[in-house]
Amino acid sequence: GMPPDLLLSQEGVATWPHSGYTLGERWMQKSWVEQCFGKETAAAMQAWPTICSGAVFGTAAGFAAFASAYSALGQLPHACDFQD
């Protein structure tokens, strides 16, 4: 089959010791999701694993879609601040 248009690589445990946790277990990451997408969305995603993606690989189409989605964050109805 064809490779994906976008690939996020998860950093290993040695570089990001918080791997293996879900969004519901990580209060800081959960607060980012709540800020940007609301508490209802964060609650729906609480069982999702969190990752620290140190590298993103992809095709031109994949990066264009990523850039479009990322720029849409500025248009969210909630304040969105990703600083930790």
PDB file of N, CA and C in Angstrom:
ATOM      1  N   GLY A   1       0.810  -1.196   0.000  1.00  0.00           N
ATOM      2  CA  GLY A   1       0.000   0.000   0.000  1.00  0.00           C
ATOM      3  C   GLY A   1       0.847   1.250   0.000  1.00  0.00           C
ATOM      4  N   MET A   2       0.177   2.322  -0.117  1.00  0.00           N
ATOM      5  CA  MET A   2       0.830   3.631  -0.119  1.00  0.00           C
ATOM      6  C   MET A   2       1.172   4.052   1.313  1.00  0.00           C
ATOM      7  N   PRO A   3       2.290   4.744   1.493  1.00  0.00           N
ATOM      8  CA  PRO A   3       2.620   5.245   2.830  1.00  0.00           C
ATOM      9  C   PRO A   3       1.671   6.383   3.217  1.00  0.00           C
ATOM     10  N   PRO A   4       1.530   6.656   4.504  1.00  0.00           N
ATOM     11  CA  PRO A   4       0.653   7.748   4.927  1.00  0.00           C
ATOM     12  C   PRO A   4       1.204   9.102   4.499  1.00  0.00           C
ATOM     13  N   ASP A   5       0.333  10.081   4.379  1.00  0.00           N
ATOM     14  CA  ASP A   5       0.753  11.430   4.015  1.00  0.00           C
ATOM     15  C   ASP A   5       1.428  12.158   5.170  1.00  0.00           C
ATOM     16  N   LEU A   6       1.172  11.727   6.400  1.00  0.00           N
ATOM     17  CA  LEU A   6       1.765  12.385   7.555  1.00  0.00           C
ATOM     18  C   LEU A   6       2.062  11.334   8.620  1.00  0.00           C
ATOM     19  N   LEU A   7       3.238  11.419   9.210  1.00  0.00           N
ATOM     20  CA  LEU A   7       3.660  10.450  10.216  1.00  0.00           C
ATOM     21  C   LEU A   7       4.292  11.191  11.382  1.00  0.00           C
ATOM     22  N   LEU A   8       3.773  10.983  12.574  1.00  0.00           N
ATOM     23  CA  LEU A   8       4.332  11.571  13.780  1.00  0.00           C
ATOM     24  C   LEU A   8       5.071  10.472  14.527  1.00  0.00           C
ATOM     25  N   SER A   9       6.326  10.708  14.858  1.00  0.00           N
ATOM     26  CA  SER A   9       7.086   9.677  15.566  1.00  0.00           C
ATOM     27  C   SER A   9       7.084  10.002  17.057  1.00  0.00           C
ATOM     28  N   GLN A  10       6.757   9.012  17.846  1.00  0.00           N
ATOM     29  CA  GLN A  10       6.738   9.201  19.293  1.00  0.00           C
ATOM     30  C   GLN A  10       8.151   9.072  19.827  1.00  0.00           C
ATOM     31  N   GLU A  11       8.558  10.051  20.652  1.00  0.00           N
ATOM     32  CA  GLU A  11       9.866   9.972  21.281  1.00  0.00           C
ATOM     33  C   GLU A  11       9.864   8.855  22.311  1.00  0.00           C
ATOM     34  N   GLY A  12      11.012   8.270  22.543  1.00  0.00           N
ATOM     35  CA  GLY A  12      11.127   7.154  23.468  1.00  0.00           C
ATOM     36  C   GLY A  12      11.027   7.555  24.924  1.00  0.00           C
ATOM     37  N   VAL A  13      10.891   6.571  25.773  1.00  0.00           N
ATOM     38  CA  VAL A  13      10.743   6.788  27.207  1.00  0.00           C
ATOM     39  C   VAL A  13      11.947   7.520  27.781  1.00  0.00           C
ATOM     40  N   ALA A  14      13.142   7.269  27.254  1.00  0.00           N
ATOM     41  CA  ALA A  14      14.344   7.914  27.783  1.00  0.00           C
ATOM     42  C   ALA A  14      14.318   9.424  27.582  1.00  0.00           C
ATOM     43  N   THR A  15      13.686   9.883  26.506  1.00  0.00           N
ATOM     44  CA  THR A  15      13.651  11.322  26.244  1.00  0.00           C
ATOM     45  C   THR A  15      12.355  11.973  26.697  1.00  0.00           C
ATOM     46  N   TRP A  16      11.315  11.194  26.868  1.00  0.00           N
ATOM     47  CA  TRP A  16      10.029  11.741  27.331  1.00  0.00           C
ATOM     48  C   TRP A  16       9.424  10.728  28.278  1.00  0.00           C
ATOM     49  N   PRO A  17       9.715  10.862  29.581  1.00  0.00           N
ATOM     50  CA  PRO A  17       9.344   9.815  30.540  1.00  0.00           C
ATOM     51  C   PRO A  17       7.848   9.695  30.823  1.00  0.00           C
ATOM     52  N   HIS A  18       7.039  10.480  30.154  1.00  0.00           N
ATOM     53  CA  HIS A  18       5.600  10.455  30.409  1.00  0.00           C
ATOM     54  C   HIS A  18       4.842   9.568  29.434  1.00  0.00           C
ATOM     55  N   SER A  19       5.537   8.823  28.585  1.00  0.00           N
ATOM     56  CA  SER A  19       4.833   7.967  27.634  1.00  0.00           C
ATOM     57  C   SER A  19       4.110   6.858  28.389  1.00  0.00           C
ATOM     58  N   GLY A  20       3.056   6.357  27.794  1.00  0.00           N
ATOM     59  CA  GLY A  20       2.260   5.316  28.432  1.00  0.00           C
ATOM     60  C   GLY A  20       1.087   5.856  29.226  1.00  0.00           C
ATOM     61  N   TYR A  21       0.903   7.164  29.224  1.00  0.00           N
ATOM     62  CA  TYR A  21      -0.208   7.782  29.945  1.00  0.00           C
ATOM     63  C   TYR A  21      -1.308   8.194  28.976  1.00  0.00           C
ATOM     64  N   THR A  22      -2.501   8.319  29.505  1.00  0.00           N
ATOM     65  CA  THR A  22      -3.618   8.810  28.698  1.00  0.00           C
ATOM     66  C   THR A  22      -3.808  10.298  28.960  1.00  0.00           C
ATOM     67  N   LEU A  23      -4.599  10.923  28.116  1.00  0.00           N
ATOM     68  CA  LEU A  23      -4.875  12.350  28.289  1.00  0.00           C
ATOM     69  C   LEU A  23      -5.509  12.616  29.652  1.00  0.00           C
ATOM     70  N   GLY A  24      -6.371  11.721  30.113  1.00  0.00           N
ATOM     71  CA  GLY A  24      -7.017  11.885  31.409  1.00  0.00           C
ATOM     72  C   GLY A  24      -6.048  11.845  32.574  1.00  0.00           C
ATOM     73  N   GLU A  25      -4.878  11.231  32.382  1.00  0.00           N
ATOM     74  CA  GLU A  25      -3.867  11.139  33.442  1.00  0.00           C
ATOM     75  C   GLU A  25      -2.857  12.282  33.405  1.00  0.00           C
ATOM     76  N   ARG A  26      -2.871  13.069  32.353  1.00  0.00           N
ATOM     77  CA  ARG A  26      -1.898  14.147  32.188  1.00  0.00           C
ATOM     78  C   ARG A  26      -2.606  15.484  32.297  1.00  0.00           C
ATOM     79  N   TRP A  27      -2.579  16.096  33.474  1.00  0.00           N
ATOM     80  CA  TRP A  27      -3.381  17.302  33.710  1.00  0.00           C
ATOM     81  C   TRP A  27      -2.977  18.458  32.813  1.00  0.00           C
ATOM     82  N   MET A  28      -1.684  18.621  32.527  1.00  0.00           N
ATOM     83  CA  MET A  28      -1.262  19.763  31.714  1.00  0.00           C
ATOM     84  C   MET A  28      -1.738  19.613  30.278  1.00  0.00           C
ATOM     85  N   GLN A  29      -1.526  18.435  29.691  1.00  0.00           N
ATOM     86  CA  GLN A  29      -1.976  18.223  28.319  1.00  0.00           C
ATOM     87  C   GLN A  29      -3.498  18.287  28.235  1.00  0.00           C
ATOM     88  N   LYS A  30      -4.178  17.760  29.254  1.00  0.00           N
ATOM     89  CA  LYS A  30      -5.639  17.832  29.270  1.00  0.00           C
ATOM     90  C   LYS A  30      -6.103  19.287  29.323  1.00  0.00           C
ATOM     91  N   SER A  31      -5.403  20.123  30.090  1.00  0.00           N
ATOM     92  CA  SER A  31      -5.798  21.538  30.170  1.00  0.00           C
ATOM     93  C   SER A  31      -5.626  22.230  28.825  1.00  0.00           C
ATOM     94  N   TRP A  32      -4.611  21.838  28.032  1.00  0.00           N
ATOM     95  CA  TRP A  32      -4.451  22.417  26.692  1.00  0.00           C
ATOM     96  C   TRP A  32      -5.641  22.062  25.816  1.00  0.00           C
ATOM     97  N   VAL A  33      -6.058  20.810  25.859  1.00  0.00           N
ATOM     98  CA  VAL A  33      -7.206  20.382  25.052  1.00  0.00           C
ATOM     99  C   VAL A  33      -8.470  21.114  25.523  1.00  0.00           C
ATOM    100  N   GLU A  34      -8.636  21.248  26.833  1.00  0.00           N
ATOM    101  CA  GLU A  34      -9.800  21.970  27.366  1.00  0.00           C
ATOM    102  C   GLU A  34      -9.794  23.423  26.906  1.00  0.00           C
ATOM    103  N   GLN A  35      -8.630  24.073  26.945  1.00  0.00           N
ATOM    104  CA  GLN A  35      -8.518  25.472  26.515  1.00  0.00           C
ATOM    105  C   GLN A  35      -8.909  25.641  25.056  1.00  0.00           C
ATOM    106  N   CYS A  36      -8.426  24.739  24.224  1.00  0.00           N
ATOM    107  CA  CYS A  36      -8.605  24.899  22.782  1.00  0.00           C
ATOM    108  C   CYS A  36      -9.910  24.324  22.246  1.00  0.00           C
ATOM    109  N   PHE A  37     -10.371  23.229  22.839  1.00  0.00           N
ATOM    110  CA  PHE A  37     -11.507  22.520  22.268  1.00  0.00           C
ATOM    111  C   PHE A  37     -12.684  22.359  23.220  1.00  0.00           C
ATOM    112  N   GLY A  38     -12.505  22.761  24.494  1.00  0.00           N
ATOM    113  CA  GLY A  38     -13.583  22.680  25.476  1.00  0.00           C
ATOM    114  C   GLY A  38     -13.497  21.421  26.333  1.00  0.00           C
ATOM    115  N   LYS A  39     -14.131  21.486  27.497  1.00  0.00           N
ATOM    116  CA  LYS A  39     -14.095  20.380  28.457  1.00  0.00           C
ATOM    117  C   LYS A  39     -14.787  19.127  27.931  1.00  0.00           C
ATOM    118  N   GLU A  40     -15.821  19.292  27.159  1.00  0.00           N
ATOM    119  CA  GLU A  40     -16.544  18.138  26.616  1.00  0.00           C
ATOM    120  C   GLU A  40     -15.641  17.313  25.686  1.00  0.00           C
ATOM    121  N   THR A  41     -14.879  17.990  24.846  1.00  0.00           N
ATOM    122  CA  THR A  41     -13.957  17.299  23.948  1.00  0.00           C
ATOM    123  C   THR A  41     -12.855  16.611  24.735  1.00  0.00           C
ATOM    124  N   ALA A  42     -12.299  17.309  25.739  1.00  0.00           N
ATOM    125  CA  ALA A  42     -11.244  16.711  26.568  1.00  0.00           C
ATOM    126  C   ALA A  42     -11.766  15.467  27.281  1.00  0.00           C
ATOM    127  N   ALA A  43     -12.993  15.516  27.773  1.00  0.00           N
ATOM    128  CA  ALA A  43     -13.578  14.356  28.451  1.00  0.00           C
ATOM    129  C   ALA A  43     -13.735  13.187  27.482  1.00  0.00           C
ATOM    130  N   ALA A  44     -14.117  13.474  26.249  1.00  0.00           N
ATOM    131  CA  ALA A  44     -14.289  12.420  25.244  1.00  0.00           C
ATOM    132  C   ALA A  44     -12.948  11.801  24.848  1.00  0.00           C
ATOM    133  N   MET A  45     -11.859  12.553  25.017  1.00  0.00           N
ATOM    134  CA  MET A  45     -10.538  12.080  24.618  1.00  0.00           C
ATOM    135  C   MET A  45      -9.714  11.564  25.795  1.00  0.00           C
ATOM    136  N   GLN A  46     -10.274  11.498  26.988  1.00  0.00           N
ATOM    137  CA  GLN A  46      -9.469  11.192  28.173  1.00  0.00           C
ATOM    138  C   GLN A  46      -8.778   9.836  28.132  1.00  0.00           C
ATOM    139  N   ALA A  47      -9.279   8.878  27.382  1.00  0.00           N
ATOM    140  CA  ALA A  47      -8.636   7.562  27.293  1.00  0.00           C
ATOM    141  C   ALA A  47      -7.578   7.494  26.188  1.00  0.00           C
ATOM    142  N   TRP A  48      -7.431   8.563  25.410  1.00  0.00           N
ATOM    143  CA  TRP A  48      -6.457   8.574  24.324  1.00  0.00           C
ATOM    144  C   TRP A  48      -5.048   8.686  24.888  1.00  0.00           C
ATOM    145  N   PRO A  49      -4.072   7.970  24.303  1.00  0.00           N
ATOM    146  CA  PRO A  49      -2.688   8.088  24.771  1.00  0.00           C
ATOM    147  C   PRO A  49      -2.085   9.437  24.380  1.00  0.00           C
ATOM    148  N   THR A  50      -1.196   9.940  25.217  1.00  0.00           N
ATOM    149  CA  THR A  50      -0.479  11.172  24.882  1.00  0.00           C
ATOM    150  C   THR A  50       0.887  10.794  24.330  1.00  0.00           C
ATOM    151  N   ILE A  51       1.375  11.592  23.396  1.00  0.00           N
ATOM    152  CA  ILE A  51       2.711  11.374  22.849  1.00  0.00           C
ATOM    153  C   ILE A  51       3.423  12.712  22.761  1.00  0.00           C
ATOM    154  N   CYS A  52       4.738  12.648  22.726  1.00  0.00           N
ATOM    155  CA  CYS A  52       5.561  13.816  22.433  1.00  0.00           C
ATOM    156  C   CYS A  52       6.174  13.544  21.074  1.00  0.00           C
ATOM    157  N   SER A  53       5.649  14.192  20.075  1.00  0.00           N
ATOM    158  CA  SER A  53       6.128  13.939  18.721  1.00  0.00           C
ATOM    159  C   SER A  53       7.279  14.886  18.420  1.00  0.00           C
ATOM    160  N   GLY A  54       8.491  14.374  18.537  1.00  0.00           N
ATOM    161  CA  GLY A  54       9.666  15.195  18.297  1.00  0.00           C
ATOM    162  C   GLY A  54       9.956  15.404  16.824  1.00  0.00           C
ATOM    163  N   ALA A  55       9.382  14.584  15.966  1.00  0.00           N
ATOM    164  CA  ALA A  55       9.619  14.699  14.532  1.00  0.00           C
ATOM    165  C   ALA A  55       8.341  14.363  13.771  1.00  0.00           C
ATOM    166  N   VAL A  56       8.118  15.113  12.706  1.00  0.00           N
ATOM    167  CA  VAL A  56       6.971  14.872  11.840  1.00  0.00           C
ATOM    168  C   VAL A  56       7.509  14.665  10.431  1.00  0.00           C
ATOM    169  N   PHE A  57       7.073  13.594   9.792  1.00  0.00           N
ATOM    170  CA  PHE A  57       7.491  13.275   8.433  1.00  0.00           C
ATOM    171  C   PHE A  57       6.244  13.249   7.551  1.00  0.00           C
ATOM    172  N   GLY A  58       6.400  13.630   6.296  1.00  0.00           N
ATOM    173  CA  GLY A  58       5.244  13.530   5.434  1.00  0.00           C
ATOM    174  C   GLY A  58       5.477  14.004   4.026  1.00  0.00           C
ATOM    175  N   THR A  59       4.439  13.849   3.244  1.00  0.00           N
ATOM    176  CA  THR A  59       4.445  14.312   1.863  1.00  0.00           C
ATOM    177  C   THR A  59       4.044  15.789   1.841  1.00  0.00           C
ATOM    178  N   ALA A  60       4.179  16.408   0.695  1.00  0.00           N
ATOM    179  CA  ALA A  60       3.756  17.803   0.552  1.00  0.00           C
ATOM    180  C   ALA A  60       2.268  17.940   0.866  1.00  0.00           C
ATOM    181  N   ALA A  61       1.470  16.989   0.421  1.00  0.00           N
ATOM    182  CA  ALA A  61       0.026  17.033   0.698  1.00  0.00           C
ATOM    183  C   ALA A  61      -0.241  16.877   2.196  1.00  0.00           C
ATOM    184  N   GLY A  62       0.525  15.995   2.853  1.00  0.00           N
ATOM    185  CA  GLY A  62       0.359  15.801   4.290  1.00  0.00           C
ATOM    186  C   GLY A  62       0.690  17.050   5.072  1.00  0.00           C
ATOM    187  N   PHE A  63       1.795  17.706   4.716  1.00  0.00           N
ATOM    188  CA  PHE A  63       2.168  18.939   5.413  1.00  0.00           C
ATOM    189  C   PHE A  63       1.193  20.076   5.122  1.00  0.00           C
ATOM    190  N   ALA A  64       0.665  20.132   3.918  1.00  0.00           N
ATOM    191  CA  ALA A  64      -0.334  21.161   3.600  1.00  0.00           C
ATOM    192  C   ALA A  64      -1.578  20.966   4.454  1.00  0.00           C
ATOM    193  N   ALA A  65      -2.023  19.719   4.622  1.00  0.00           N
ATOM    194  CA  ALA A  65      -3.189  19.442   5.463  1.00  0.00           C
ATOM    195  C   ALA A  65      -2.889  19.765   6.922  1.00  0.00           C
ATOM    196  N   PHE A  66      -1.675  19.426   7.378  1.00  0.00           N
ATOM    197  CA  PHE A  66      -1.265  19.719   8.755  1.00  0.00           C
ATOM    198  C   PHE A  66      -1.249  21.223   8.995  1.00  0.00           C
ATOM    199  N   ALA A  67      -0.663  21.972   8.073  1.00  0.00           N
ATOM    200  CA  ALA A  67      -0.599  23.430   8.201  1.00  0.00           C
ATOM    201  C   ALA A  67      -1.993  24.049   8.210  1.00  0.00           C
ATOM    202  N   SER A  68      -2.871  23.539   7.380  1.00  0.00           N
ATOM    203  CA  SER A  68      -4.239  24.047   7.331  1.00  0.00           C
ATOM    204  C   SER A  68      -4.965  23.799   8.653  1.00  0.00           C
ATOM    205  N   ALA A  69      -4.821  22.597   9.186  1.00  0.00           N
ATOM    206  CA  ALA A  69      -5.465  22.264  10.462  1.00  0.00           C
ATOM    207  C   ALA A  69      -4.866  23.086  11.596  1.00  0.00           C
ATOM    208  N   TYR A  70      -3.543  23.255  11.595  1.00  0.00           N
ATOM    209  CA  TYR A  70      -2.881  24.017  12.657  1.00  0.00           C
ATOM    210  C   TYR A  70      -3.285  25.484  12.614  1.00  0.00           C
ATOM    211  N   SER A  71      -3.377  26.053  11.419  1.00  0.00           N
ATOM    212  CA  SER A  71      -3.770  27.462  11.321  1.00  0.00           C
ATOM    213  C   SER A  71      -5.225  27.657  11.734  1.00  0.00           C
ATOM    214  N   ALA A  72      -6.039  26.623  11.597  1.00  0.00           N
ATOM    215  CA  ALA A  72      -7.440  26.715  12.018  1.00  0.00           C
ATOM    216  C   ALA A  72      -7.556  26.830  13.532  1.00  0.00           C
ATOM    217  N   LEU A  73      -6.507  26.428  14.279  1.00  0.00           N
ATOM    218  CA  LEU A  73      -6.544  26.562  15.737  1.00  0.00           C
ATOM    219  C   LEU A  73      -6.730  28.009  16.165  1.00  0.00           C
ATOM    220  N   GLY A  74      -6.231  28.942  15.367  1.00  0.00           N
ATOM    221  CA  GLY A  74      -6.401  30.360  15.662  1.00  0.00           C
ATOM    222  C   GLY A  74      -7.836  30.825  15.520  1.00  0.00           C
ATOM    223  N   GLN A  75      -8.682  29.995  14.930  1.00  0.00           N
ATOM    224  CA  GLN A  75     -10.080  30.349  14.717  1.00  0.00           C
ATOM    225  C   GLN A  75     -11.014  29.618  15.672  1.00  0.00           C
ATOM    226  N   LEU A  76     -10.453  28.971  16.690  1.00  0.00           N
ATOM    227  CA  LEU A  76     -11.283  28.244  17.649  1.00  0.00           C
ATOM    228  C   LEU A  76     -12.055  29.208  18.537  1.00  0.00           C
ATOM    229  N   PRO A  77     -13.214  28.786  19.037  1.00  0.00           N
ATOM    230  CA  PRO A  77     -13.996  29.668  19.905  1.00  0.00           C
ATOM    231  C   PRO A  77     -13.385  29.819  21.301  1.00  0.00           C
ATOM    232  N   HIS A  78     -12.395  28.978  21.635  1.00  0.00           N
ATOM    233  CA  HIS A  78     -11.756  29.030  22.947  1.00  0.00           C
ATOM    234  C   HIS A  78     -10.367  29.640  22.806  1.00  0.00           C
ATOM    235  N   ALA A  79      -9.861  30.234  23.887  1.00  0.00           N
ATOM    236  CA  ALA A  79      -8.481  30.728  23.882  1.00  0.00           C
ATOM    237  C   ALA A  79      -7.547  29.527  23.818  1.00  0.00           C
ATOM    238  N   CYS A  80      -6.503  29.623  23.026  1.00  0.00           N
ATOM    239  CA  CYS A  80      -5.622  28.480  22.818  1.00  0.00           C
ATOM    240  C   CYS A  80      -4.184  28.909  23.066  1.00  0.00           C
ATOM    241  N   ASP A  81      -3.567  28.411  24.160  1.00  0.00           N
ATOM    242  CA  ASP A  81      -2.202  28.760  24.513  1.00  0.00           C
ATOM    243  C   ASP A  81      -1.443  27.487  24.835  1.00  0.00           C
ATOM    244  N   PHE A  82      -0.474  27.115  23.999  1.00  0.00           N
ATOM    245  CA  PHE A  82       0.229  25.849  24.154  1.00  0.00           C
ATOM    246  C   PHE A  82       1.505  25.936  24.973  1.00  0.00           C
ATOM    247  N   GLN A  83       1.691  26.965  25.761  1.00  0.00           N
ATOM    248  CA  GLN A  83       2.913  27.078  26.556  1.00  0.00           C
ATOM    249  C   GLN A  83       2.806  26.217  27.797  1.00  0.00           C
ATOM    250  N   ASP A  84       3.922  25.593  28.163  1.00  0.00           N
ATOM    251  CA  ASP A  84       3.909  24.792  29.394  1.00  0.00           C
ATOM    252  C   ASP A  84       4.852  25.336  30.427  1.00  0.00           C
TER     253      ASP A  84
END
